[in-house]
């Protein structure tokens, strides 16, 4: 499943529970930004946990 954000082809790693809209599945990068809004709850997808962790050697 791909990120639901326009023009993003990264794999979805998080389900965002948004009180004023439909829940959305987004990549880790979009989850970091969109998950900061008041009331939004970011729920990581267990099968995509590796996408949420930084690889060794990065940073």
Protein backbone atom coordinates (compact mmCIF):
# COMPACT_ATOMS: atom_id res chain seq x y z
CA UNK A 1 0.00 0.00 0.00
CA UNK A 2 1.37 3.40 -0.95
CA UNK A 3 1.20 6.66 0.97
CA UNK A 4 -2.13 8.43 0.42
CA UNK A 5 -0.52 11.85 -0.02
CA UNK A 6 -0.55 13.24 -3.55
CA UNK A 7 2.47 12.37 -5.69
CA UNK A 8 4.10 10.30 -2.92
CA UNK A 9 5.04 6.75 -3.88
CA UNK A 10 6.64 5.69 -0.60
CA UNK A 11 5.11 2.71 1.20
CA UNK A 12 2.54 3.52 3.88
CA UNK A 13 3.96 2.88 7.36
CA UNK A 14 1.46 4.66 9.61
CA UNK A 15 -2.31 4.96 9.88
CA UNK A 16 -3.34 8.47 10.88
CA UNK A 17 -6.58 8.69 12.86
CA UNK A 18 -7.97 12.14 12.01
CA UNK A 19 -11.08 13.22 13.94
CA UNK A 20 -12.36 15.64 11.26
CA UNK A 21 -11.65 13.41 8.21
CA UNK A 22 -11.22 9.83 7.05
CA UNK A 23 -8.26 7.90 8.45
CA UNK A 24 -5.27 7.94 6.09
CA UNK A 25 -2.35 5.61 5.50
CA UNK A 26 0.86 7.58 5.01
CA UNK A 27 4.61 7.06 4.80
CA UNK A 28 6.87 7.77 7.78
CA UNK A 29 7.90 11.17 6.41
CA UNK A 30 4.33 12.42 6.04
CA UNK A 31 3.35 10.90 9.39
CA UNK A 32 6.02 13.01 11.12
CA UNK A 33 4.52 16.20 9.72
CA UNK A 34 0.79 15.41 9.74
CA UNK A 35 0.91 13.66 13.11
CA UNK A 36 1.77 16.95 14.83
CA UNK A 37 -1.71 18.38 14.33
CA UNK A 38 -3.92 18.54 17.42
CA UNK A 39 -6.17 15.51 17.70
CA UNK A 40 -4.34 13.37 15.13
CA UNK A 41 -3.15 9.99 16.38
CA UNK A 42 -0.41 8.17 14.47
CA UNK A 43 -0.70 4.38 14.67
CA UNK A 44 2.32 2.54 13.20
CA UNK A 45 1.55 -0.44 10.98
CA UNK A 46 3.29 -3.48 12.55
CA UNK A 47 4.26 -4.99 9.19
CA UNK A 48 6.03 -1.74 8.19
CA UNK A 49 8.04 -1.21 11.39
CA UNK A 50 11.35 -1.31 9.51
CA UNK A 51 10.32 1.79 7.53
CA UNK A 52 10.01 3.74 10.79
CA UNK A 53 13.52 2.97 12.02
CA UNK A 54 16.64 4.64 10.75
CA UNK A 55 19.13 2.29 9.17
CA UNK A 56 22.56 1.90 10.70
CA UNK A 57 25.04 4.25 9.12
CA UNK A 58 22.50 7.02 8.57
CA UNK A 59 22.48 10.24 10.51
